[in-house]
Amino acid sequence: MTAMQSSCCPVTVCDGPDCLQLTEREAQVCMTICGSDEPVTFSSIRTKLGYHQEVTSRILRRLVNYREIEKSQGGYRRSVNNYLRLLCSR
């Protein structure tokens, strides 16, 4: 687990109870999604990062459950909750 991940992006140091500890793979998925202005599809995340389909699915499901990202009609995007969590951690 990466101790410095408080939210999907940007990465900040976080010690509070609202922080989500991300694995390196989860952080890479987050940064891939946050690096795009448009929703990112499942297949493009999987292809870009080279993860197995089940691994990608599990990571996305966890990040959606924790409201770090949202699933939209066109793919996955950064969650509004993510921005609020970042503000709370400052």
PDB file of N, CA and C in Angstrom:
ATOM      1  N   MET A   1       0.832  -1.178   0.000  1.00  0.00           N
ATOM      2  CA  MET A   1       0.000   0.000   0.000  1.00  0.00           C
ATOM      3  C   MET A   1       0.880   1.246   0.000  1.00  0.00           C
ATOM      4  N   THR A   2       0.441   2.244  -0.703  1.00  0.00           N
ATOM      5  CA  THR A   2       1.162   3.499  -0.770  1.00  0.00           C
ATOM      6  C   THR A   2       0.626   4.424   0.311  1.00  0.00           C
ATOM      7  N   ALA A   3       1.476   4.844   1.213  1.00  0.00           N
ATOM      8  CA  ALA A   3       1.035   5.633   2.367  1.00  0.00           C
ATOM      9  C   ALA A   3       0.704   7.072   2.018  1.00  0.00           C
ATOM     10  N   MET A   4       1.126   7.559   0.865  1.00  0.00           N
ATOM     11  CA  MET A   4       0.944   8.969   0.552  1.00  0.00           C
ATOM     12  C   MET A   4      -0.301   9.258  -0.278  1.00  0.00           C
ATOM     13  N   GLN A   5      -1.116   8.295  -0.554  1.00  0.00           N
ATOM     14  CA  GLN A   5      -2.280   8.520  -1.402  1.00  0.00           C
ATOM     15  C   GLN A   5      -3.494   8.901  -0.563  1.00  0.00           C
ATOM     16  N   SER A   6      -3.944  10.118  -0.698  1.00  0.00           N
ATOM     17  CA  SER A   6      -5.141  10.520   0.034  1.00  0.00           C
ATOM     18  C   SER A   6      -6.360  10.501  -0.862  1.00  0.00           C
ATOM     19  N   SER A   7      -6.152  10.733  -2.111  1.00  0.00           N
ATOM     20  CA  SER A   7      -7.250  10.765  -3.050  1.00  0.00           C
ATOM     21  C   SER A   7      -6.706  10.510  -4.435  1.00  0.00           C
ATOM     22  N   CYS A   8      -7.586  10.389  -5.360  1.00  0.00           N
ATOM     23  CA  CYS A   8      -7.207  10.015  -6.707  1.00  0.00           C
ATOM     24  C   CYS A   8      -6.164  10.951  -7.288  1.00  0.00           C
ATOM     25  N   CYS A   9      -6.402  12.207  -7.291  1.00  0.00           N
ATOM     26  CA  CYS A   9      -5.406  13.154  -7.776  1.00  0.00           C
ATOM     27  C   CYS A   9      -5.765  14.554  -7.300  1.00  0.00           C
ATOM     28  N   PRO A  10      -4.865  15.383  -7.019  1.00  0.00           N
ATOM     29  CA  PRO A  10      -3.442  15.080  -6.960  1.00  0.00           C
ATOM     30  C   PRO A  10      -3.066  14.311  -5.708  1.00  0.00           C
ATOM     31  N   VAL A  11      -1.874  13.780  -5.697  1.00  0.00           N
ATOM     32  CA  VAL A  11      -1.382  13.002  -4.561  1.00  0.00           C
ATOM     33  C   VAL A  11      -0.931  13.963  -3.470  1.00  0.00           C
ATOM     34  N   THR A  12      -1.395  13.718  -2.269  1.00  0.00           N
ATOM     35  CA  THR A  12      -0.981  14.537  -1.128  1.00  0.00           C
ATOM     36  C   THR A  12      -0.683  13.623   0.049  1.00  0.00           C
ATOM     37  N   VAL A  13       0.076  14.104   0.997  1.00  0.00           N
ATOM     38  CA  VAL A  13       0.332  13.344   2.216  1.00  0.00           C
ATOM     39  C   VAL A  13      -0.935  13.362   3.040  1.00  0.00           C
ATOM     40  N   CYS A  14      -1.309  12.214   3.573  1.00  0.00           N
ATOM     41  CA  CYS A  14      -2.577  12.125   4.280  1.00  0.00           C
ATOM     42  C   CYS A  14      -2.475  11.188   5.470  1.00  0.00           C
ATOM     43  N   ASP A  15      -2.893  11.659   6.629  1.00  0.00           N
ATOM     44  CA  ASP A  15      -2.892  10.846   7.832  1.00  0.00           C
ATOM     45  C   ASP A  15      -4.278  10.750   8.467  1.00  0.00           C
ATOM     46  N   GLY A  16      -5.246  11.475   7.956  1.00  0.00           N
ATOM     47  CA  GLY A  16      -6.562  11.555   8.582  1.00  0.00           C
ATOM     48  C   GLY A  16      -7.435  10.347   8.321  1.00  0.00           C
ATOM     49  N   PRO A  17      -8.547  10.270   9.038  1.00  0.00           N
ATOM     50  CA  PRO A  17      -9.460   9.136   8.905  1.00  0.00           C
ATOM     51  C   PRO A  17     -10.214   9.114   7.572  1.00  0.00           C
ATOM     52  N   ASP A  18     -10.263  10.228   6.858  1.00  0.00           N
ATOM     53  CA  ASP A  18     -10.972  10.274   5.585  1.00  0.00           C
ATOM     54  C   ASP A  18     -10.118   9.807   4.413  1.00  0.00           C
ATOM     55  N   CYS A  19      -8.877   9.455   4.672  1.00  0.00           N
ATOM     56  CA  CYS A  19      -7.957   9.092   3.595  1.00  0.00           C
ATOM     57  C   CYS A  19      -8.128   7.640   3.171  1.00  0.00           C
ATOM     58  N   LEU A  20      -8.023   7.425   1.896  1.00  0.00           N
ATOM     59  CA  LEU A  20      -8.088   6.091   1.325  1.00  0.00           C
ATOM     60  C   LEU A  20      -6.677   5.690   0.933  1.00  0.00           C
ATOM     61  N   GLN A  21      -6.192   4.598   1.477  1.00  0.00           N
ATOM     62  CA  GLN A  21      -4.860   4.108   1.133  1.00  0.00           C
ATOM     63  C   GLN A  21      -4.954   3.320  -0.171  1.00  0.00           C
ATOM     64  N   LEU A  22      -4.221   3.751  -1.175  1.00  0.00           N
ATOM     65  CA  LEU A  22      -4.258   3.120  -2.486  1.00  0.00           C
ATOM     66  C   LEU A  22      -3.029   2.264  -2.724  1.00  0.00           C
ATOM     67  N   THR A  23      -3.228   1.136  -3.411  1.00  0.00           N
ATOM     68  CA  THR A  23      -2.089   0.349  -3.861  1.00  0.00           C
ATOM     69  C   THR A  23      -1.470   1.077  -5.043  1.00  0.00           C
ATOM     70  N   GLU A  24      -0.310   0.653  -5.458  1.00  0.00           N
ATOM     71  CA  GLU A  24       0.357   1.274  -6.600  1.00  0.00           C
ATOM     72  C   GLU A  24      -0.513   1.151  -7.850  1.00  0.00           C
ATOM     73  N   ARG A  25      -1.120   0.007  -8.050  1.00  0.00           N
ATOM     74  CA  ARG A  25      -1.993  -0.193  -9.211  1.00  0.00           C
ATOM     75  C   ARG A  25      -3.214   0.720  -9.164  1.00  0.00           C
ATOM     76  N   GLU A  26      -3.823   0.839  -7.994  1.00  0.00           N
ATOM     77  CA  GLU A  26      -4.978   1.728  -7.851  1.00  0.00           C
ATOM     78  C   GLU A  26      -4.596   3.171  -8.149  1.00  0.00           C
ATOM     79  N   ALA A  27      -3.435   3.576  -7.666  1.00  0.00           N
ATOM     80  CA  ALA A  27      -2.964   4.939  -7.926  1.00  0.00           C
ATOM     81  C   ALA A  27      -2.742   5.159  -9.420  1.00  0.00           C
ATOM     82  N   GLN A  28      -2.218   4.160 -10.116  1.00  0.00           N
ATOM     83  CA  GLN A  28      -1.998   4.286 -11.558  1.00  0.00           C
ATOM     84  C   GLN A  28      -3.323   4.407 -12.311  1.00  0.00           C
ATOM     85  N   VAL A  29      -4.320   3.641 -11.889  1.00  0.00           N
ATOM     86  CA  VAL A  29      -5.644   3.747 -12.518  1.00  0.00           C
ATOM     87  C   VAL A  29      -6.212   5.141 -12.274  1.00  0.00           C
ATOM     88  N   CYS A  30      -6.112   5.621 -11.045  1.00  0.00           N
ATOM     89  CA  CYS A  30      -6.601   6.962 -10.730  1.00  0.00           C
ATOM     90  C   CYS A  30      -5.921   8.021 -11.578  1.00  0.00           C
ATOM     91  N   MET A  31      -4.623   7.961 -11.670  1.00  0.00           N
ATOM     92  CA  MET A  31      -3.892   8.965 -12.435  1.00  0.00           C
ATOM     93  C   MET A  31      -4.237   8.890 -13.919  1.00  0.00           C
ATOM     94  N   THR A  32      -4.517   7.700 -14.418  1.00  0.00           N
ATOM     95  CA  THR A  32      -4.933   7.553 -15.812  1.00  0.00           C
ATOM     96  C   THR A  32      -6.269   8.241 -16.031  1.00  0.00           C
ATOM     97  N   ILE A  33      -7.201   8.048 -15.119  1.00  0.00           N
ATOM     98  CA  ILE A  33      -8.526   8.664 -15.227  1.00  0.00           C
ATOM     99  C   ILE A  33      -8.430  10.172 -15.022  1.00  0.00           C
ATOM    100  N   CYS A  34      -7.680  10.591 -14.018  1.00  0.00           N
ATOM    101  CA  CYS A  34      -7.576  12.014 -13.711  1.00  0.00           C
ATOM    102  C   CYS A  34      -6.784  12.784 -14.763  1.00  0.00           C
ATOM    103  N   GLY A  35      -5.984  12.085 -15.522  1.00  0.00           N
ATOM    104  CA  GLY A  35      -5.197  12.733 -16.556  1.00  0.00           C
ATOM    105  C   GLY A  35      -5.959  13.010 -17.828  1.00  0.00           C
ATOM    106  N   SER A  36      -7.242  12.670 -17.839  1.00  0.00           N
ATOM    107  CA  SER A  36      -8.058  12.860 -19.036  1.00  0.00           C
ATOM    108  C   SER A  36      -9.215  13.813 -18.754  1.00  0.00           C
ATOM    109  N   ASP A  37      -9.492  14.678 -19.722  1.00  0.00           N
ATOM    110  CA  ASP A  37     -10.632  15.585 -19.588  1.00  0.00           C
ATOM    111  C   ASP A  37     -11.947  14.896 -19.909  1.00  0.00           C
ATOM    112  N   GLU A  38     -11.876  13.791 -20.615  1.00  0.00           N
ATOM    113  CA  GLU A  38     -13.047  13.020 -21.020  1.00  0.00           C
ATOM    114  C   GLU A  38     -13.108  11.722 -20.215  1.00  0.00           C
ATOM    115  N   PRO A  39     -14.292  11.110 -20.089  1.00  0.00           N
ATOM    116  CA  PRO A  39     -14.366   9.803 -19.437  1.00  0.00           C
ATOM    117  C   PRO A  39     -13.460   8.787 -20.145  1.00  0.00           C
ATOM    118  N   VAL A  40     -12.867   7.902 -19.367  1.00  0.00           N
ATOM    119  CA  VAL A  40     -11.928   6.907 -19.883  1.00  0.00           C
ATOM    120  C   VAL A  40     -12.605   5.539 -19.847  1.00  0.00           C
ATOM    121  N   THR A  41     -12.567   4.828 -20.948  1.00  0.00           N
ATOM    122  CA  THR A  41     -13.226   3.525 -21.025  1.00  0.00           C
ATOM    123  C   THR A  41     -12.420   2.450 -20.300  1.00  0.00           C
ATOM    124  N   PHE A  42     -13.113   1.394 -19.932  1.00  0.00           N
ATOM    125  CA  PHE A  42     -12.496   0.249 -19.279  1.00  0.00           C
ATOM    126  C   PHE A  42     -11.370  -0.312 -20.142  1.00  0.00           C
ATOM    127  N   SER A  43     -11.653  -0.508 -21.420  1.00  0.00           N
ATOM    128  CA  SER A  43     -10.647  -1.116 -22.298  1.00  0.00           C
ATOM    129  C   SER A  43      -9.429  -0.217 -22.490  1.00  0.00           C
ATOM    130  N   SER A  44      -9.616   1.093 -22.507  1.00  0.00           N
ATOM    131  CA  SER A  44      -8.448   1.970 -22.668  1.00  0.00           C
ATOM    132  C   SER A  44      -7.592   1.983 -21.404  1.00  0.00           C
ATOM    133  N   ILE A  45      -8.206   1.894 -20.227  1.00  0.00           N
ATOM    134  CA  ILE A  45      -7.447   1.797 -18.972  1.00  0.00           C
ATOM    135  C   ILE A  45      -6.648   0.500 -18.973  1.00  0.00           C
ATOM    136  N   ARG A  46      -7.320  -0.575 -19.303  1.00  0.00           N
ATOM    137  CA  ARG A  46      -6.693  -1.897 -19.315  1.00  0.00           C
ATOM    138  C   ARG A  46      -5.529  -1.954 -20.307  1.00  0.00           C
ATOM    139  N   THR A  47      -5.747  -1.421 -21.487  1.00  0.00           N
ATOM    140  CA  THR A  47      -4.708  -1.433 -22.520  1.00  0.00           C
ATOM    141  C   THR A  47      -3.521  -0.568 -22.132  1.00  0.00           C
ATOM    142  N   LYS A  48      -3.788   0.631 -21.652  1.00  0.00           N
ATOM    143  CA  LYS A  48      -2.709   1.562 -21.294  1.00  0.00           C
ATOM    144  C   LYS A  48      -1.834   1.006 -20.179  1.00  0.00           C
ATOM    145  N   LEU A  49      -2.457   0.403 -19.162  1.00  0.00           N
ATOM    146  CA  LEU A  49      -1.706  -0.064 -18.008  1.00  0.00           C
ATOM    147  C   LEU A  49      -1.260  -1.516 -18.109  1.00  0.00           C
ATOM    148  N   GLY A  50      -1.862  -2.272 -19.028  1.00  0.00           N
ATOM    149  CA  GLY A  50      -1.466  -3.659 -19.228  1.00  0.00           C
ATOM    150  C   GLY A  50      -1.943  -4.608 -18.141  1.00  0.00           C
ATOM    151  N   TYR A  51      -2.993  -4.242 -17.439  1.00  0.00           N
ATOM    152  CA  TYR A  51      -3.527  -5.092 -16.371  1.00  0.00           C
ATOM    153  C   TYR A  51      -4.496  -6.120 -16.936  1.00  0.00           C
ATOM    154  N   HIS A  52      -4.585  -7.245 -16.252  1.00  0.00           N
ATOM    155  CA  HIS A  52      -5.552  -8.274 -16.612  1.00  0.00           C
ATOM    156  C   HIS A  52      -6.960  -7.717 -16.409  1.00  0.00           C
ATOM    157  N   GLN A  53      -7.910  -8.223 -17.152  1.00  0.00           N
ATOM    158  CA  GLN A  53      -9.297  -7.758 -17.097  1.00  0.00           C
ATOM    159  C   GLN A  53      -9.869  -7.830 -15.683  1.00  0.00           C
ATOM    160  N   GLU A  54      -9.623  -8.920 -14.976  1.00  0.00           N
ATOM    161  CA  GLU A  54     -10.162  -9.072 -13.618  1.00  0.00           C
ATOM    162  C   GLU A  54      -9.536  -8.075 -12.646  1.00  0.00           C
ATOM    163  N   VAL A  55      -8.243  -7.831 -12.787  1.00  0.00           N
ATOM    164  CA  VAL A  55      -7.549  -6.879 -11.923  1.00  0.00           C
ATOM    165  C   VAL A  55      -8.104  -5.475 -12.153  1.00  0.00           C
ATOM    166  N   THR A  56      -8.237  -5.100 -13.414  1.00  0.00           N
ATOM    167  CA  THR A  56      -8.773  -3.777 -13.762  1.00  0.00           C
ATOM    168  C   THR A  56     -10.186  -3.619 -13.217  1.00  0.00           C
ATOM    169  N   SER A  57     -11.007  -4.627 -13.392  1.00  0.00           N
ATOM    170  CA  SER A  57     -12.390  -4.584 -12.920  1.00  0.00           C
ATOM    171  C   SER A  57     -12.449  -4.428 -11.399  1.00  0.00           C
ATOM    172  N   ARG A  58     -11.636  -5.171 -10.684  1.00  0.00           N
ATOM    173  CA  ARG A  58     -11.618  -5.114  -9.222  1.00  0.00           C
ATOM    174  C   ARG A  58     -11.182  -3.731  -8.734  1.00  0.00           C
ATOM    175  N   ILE A  59     -10.156  -3.178  -9.355  1.00  0.00           N
ATOM    176  CA  ILE A  59      -9.673  -1.849  -8.969  1.00  0.00           C
ATOM    177  C   ILE A  59     -10.742  -0.794  -9.217  1.00  0.00           C
ATOM    178  N   LEU A  60     -11.347  -0.816 -10.390  1.00  0.00           N
ATOM    179  CA  LEU A  60     -12.382   0.173 -10.720  1.00  0.00           C
ATOM    180  C   LEU A  60     -13.579   0.054  -9.773  1.00  0.00           C
ATOM    181  N   ARG A  61     -13.972  -1.166  -9.476  1.00  0.00           N
ATOM    182  CA  ARG A  61     -15.105  -1.375  -8.560  1.00  0.00           C
ATOM    183  C   ARG A  61     -14.796  -0.790  -7.184  1.00  0.00           C
ATOM    184  N   ARG A  62     -13.581  -1.015  -6.679  1.00  0.00           N
ATOM    185  CA  ARG A  62     -13.201  -0.476  -5.367  1.00  0.00           C
ATOM    186  C   ARG A  62     -13.185   1.050  -5.383  1.00  0.00           C
ATOM    187  N   LEU A  63     -12.625   1.631  -6.423  1.00  0.00           N
ATOM    188  CA  LEU A  63     -12.540   3.084  -6.504  1.00  0.00           C
ATOM    189  C   LEU A  63     -13.915   3.732  -6.651  1.00  0.00           C
ATOM    190  N   VAL A  64     -14.824   3.080  -7.349  1.00  0.00           N
ATOM    191  CA  VAL A  64     -16.199   3.573  -7.459  1.00  0.00           C
ATOM    192  C   VAL A  64     -16.891   3.445  -6.105  1.00  0.00           C
ATOM    193  N   ASN A  65     -16.709   2.303  -5.436  1.00  0.00           N
ATOM    194  CA  ASN A  65     -17.333   2.099  -4.118  1.00  0.00           C
ATOM    195  C   ASN A  65     -16.888   3.144  -3.104  1.00  0.00           C
ATOM    196  N   TYR A  66     -15.630   3.556  -3.181  1.00  0.00           N
ATOM    197  CA  TYR A  66     -15.113   4.570  -2.267  1.00  0.00           C
ATOM    198  C   TYR A  66     -15.297   5.982  -2.804  1.00  0.00           C
ATOM    199  N   ARG A  67     -16.002   6.092  -3.924  1.00  0.00           N
ATOM    200  CA  ARG A  67     -16.354   7.377  -4.543  1.00  0.00           C
ATOM    201  C   ARG A  67     -15.139   8.216  -4.940  1.00  0.00           C
ATOM    202  N   GLU A  68     -14.051   7.554  -5.291  1.00  0.00           N
ATOM    203  CA  GLU A  68     -12.887   8.258  -5.828  1.00  0.00           C
ATOM    204  C   GLU A  68     -13.099   8.566  -7.303  1.00  0.00           C
ATOM    205  N   ILE A  69     -13.797   7.671  -7.992  1.00  0.00           N
ATOM    206  CA  ILE A  69     -14.132   7.861  -9.398  1.00  0.00           C
ATOM    207  C   ILE A  69     -15.608   7.561  -9.585  1.00  0.00           C
ATOM    208  N   GLU A  70     -16.153   7.988 -10.719  1.00  0.00           N
ATOM    209  CA  GLU A  70     -17.548   7.722 -11.060  1.00  0.00           C
ATOM    210  C   GLU A  70     -17.604   7.015 -12.398  1.00  0.00           C
ATOM    211  N   LYS A  71     -18.557   6.124 -12.517  1.00  0.00           N
ATOM    212  CA  LYS A  71     -18.805   5.477 -13.803  1.00  0.00           C
ATOM    213  C   LYS A  71     -19.878   6.286 -14.511  1.00  0.00           C
ATOM    214  N   SER A  72     -19.547   6.763 -15.691  1.00  0.00           N
ATOM    215  CA  SER A  72     -20.504   7.540 -16.473  1.00  0.00           C
ATOM    216  C   SER A  72     -20.819   6.769 -17.747  1.00  0.00           C
ATOM    217  N   GLN A  73     -21.680   7.327 -18.559  1.00  0.00           N
ATOM    218  CA  GLN A  73     -22.086   6.662 -19.787  1.00  0.00           C
ATOM    219  C   GLN A  73     -20.899   6.409 -20.715  1.00  0.00           C
ATOM    220  N   GLY A  74     -19.935   7.325 -20.739  1.00  0.00           N
ATOM    221  CA  GLY A  74     -18.795   7.196 -21.642  1.00  0.00           C
ATOM    222  C   GLY A  74     -17.582   6.513 -21.044  1.00  0.00           C
ATOM    223  N   GLY A  75     -17.627   6.164 -19.766  1.00  0.00           N
ATOM    224  CA  GLY A  75     -16.486   5.521 -19.123  1.00  0.00           C
ATOM    225  C   GLY A  75     -16.358   5.954 -17.673  1.00  0.00           C
ATOM    226  N   TYR A  76     -15.134   6.084 -17.206  1.00  0.00           N
ATOM    227  CA  TYR A  76     -14.866   6.452 -15.816  1.00  0.00           C
ATOM    228  C   TYR A  76     -14.259   7.845 -15.771  1.00  0.00           C
ATOM    229  N   ARG A  77     -14.633   8.600 -14.732  1.00  0.00           N
ATOM    230  CA  ARG A  77     -14.105   9.956 -14.562  1.00  0.00           C
ATOM    231  C   ARG A  77     -13.896  10.238 -13.082  1.00  0.00           C
ATOM    232  N   ARG A  78     -13.175  11.295 -12.818  1.00  0.00           N
ATOM    233  CA  ARG A  78     -12.906  11.711 -11.445  1.00  0.00           C
ATOM    234  C   ARG A  78     -14.209  12.090 -10.748  1.00  0.00           C
ATOM    235  N   SER A  79     -14.328  11.704  -9.503  1.00  0.00           N
ATOM    236  CA  SER A  79     -15.533  11.975  -8.732  1.00  0.00           C
ATOM    237  C   SER A  79     -15.508  13.366  -8.117  1.00  0.00           C
ATOM    238  N   VAL A  80     -16.679  13.976  -7.990  1.00  0.00           N
ATOM    239  CA  VAL A  80     -16.804  15.251  -7.287  1.00  0.00           C
ATOM    240  C   VAL A  80     -16.393  15.063  -5.826  1.00  0.00           C
ATOM    241  N   ASN A  81     -16.725  13.927  -5.237  1.00  0.00           N
ATOM    242  CA  ASN A  81     -16.350  13.604  -3.861  1.00  0.00           C
ATOM    243  C   ASN A  81     -14.845  13.687  -3.683  1.00  0.00           C
ATOM    244  N   ASN A  82     -14.111  13.295  -4.700  1.00  0.00           N
ATOM    245  CA  ASN A  82     -12.663  13.317  -4.651  1.00  0.00           C
ATOM    246  C   ASN A  82     -12.161  14.731  -4.355  1.00  0.00           C
ATOM    247  N   TYR A  83     -12.733  15.709  -5.003  1.00  0.00           N
ATOM    248  CA  TYR A  83     -12.336  17.105  -4.799  1.00  0.00           C
ATOM    249  C   TYR A  83     -12.647  17.531  -3.370  1.00  0.00           C
ATOM    250  N   LEU A  84     -13.795  17.121  -2.850  1.00  0.00           N
ATOM    251  CA  LEU A  84     -14.164  17.481  -1.482  1.00  0.00           C
ATOM    252  C   LEU A  84     -13.219  16.832  -0.486  1.00  0.00           C
ATOM    253  N   ARG A  85     -12.819  15.601  -0.730  1.00  0.00           N
ATOM    254  CA  ARG A  85     -11.898  14.917   0.167  1.00  0.00           C
ATOM    255  C   ARG A  85     -10.551  15.625   0.176  1.00  0.00           C
ATOM    256  N   LEU A  86     -10.113  16.086  -0.998  1.00  0.00           N
ATOM    257  CA  LEU A  86      -8.844  16.789  -1.089  1.00  0.00           C
ATOM    258  C   LEU A  86      -8.887  18.085  -0.273  1.00  0.00           C
ATOM    259  N   LEU A  87      -9.993  18.814  -0.376  1.00  0.00           N
ATOM    260  CA  LEU A  87     -10.118  20.055   0.396  1.00  0.00           C
ATOM    261  C   LEU A  87     -10.087  19.780   1.887  1.00  0.00           C
ATOM    262  N   CYS A  88     -10.730  18.694   2.310  1.00  0.00           N
ATOM    263  CA  CYS A  88     -10.776  18.366   3.734  1.00  0.00           C
ATOM    264  C   CYS A  88      -9.409  17.953   4.265  1.00  0.00           C
ATOM    265  N   SER A  89      -8.538  17.444   3.397  1.00  0.00           N
ATOM    266  CA  SER A  89      -7.241  16.947   3.879  1.00  0.00           C
ATOM    267  C   SER A  89      -6.200  18.060   3.999  1.00  0.00           C
ATOM    268  N   ARG A  90      -6.510  19.265   3.552  1.00  0.00           N
ATOM    269  CA  ARG A  90      -5.533  20.361   3.614  1.00  0.00           C
ATOM    270  C   ARG A  90      -5.471  20.980   4.984  1.00  0.00           C
TER     271      ARG A  90
END
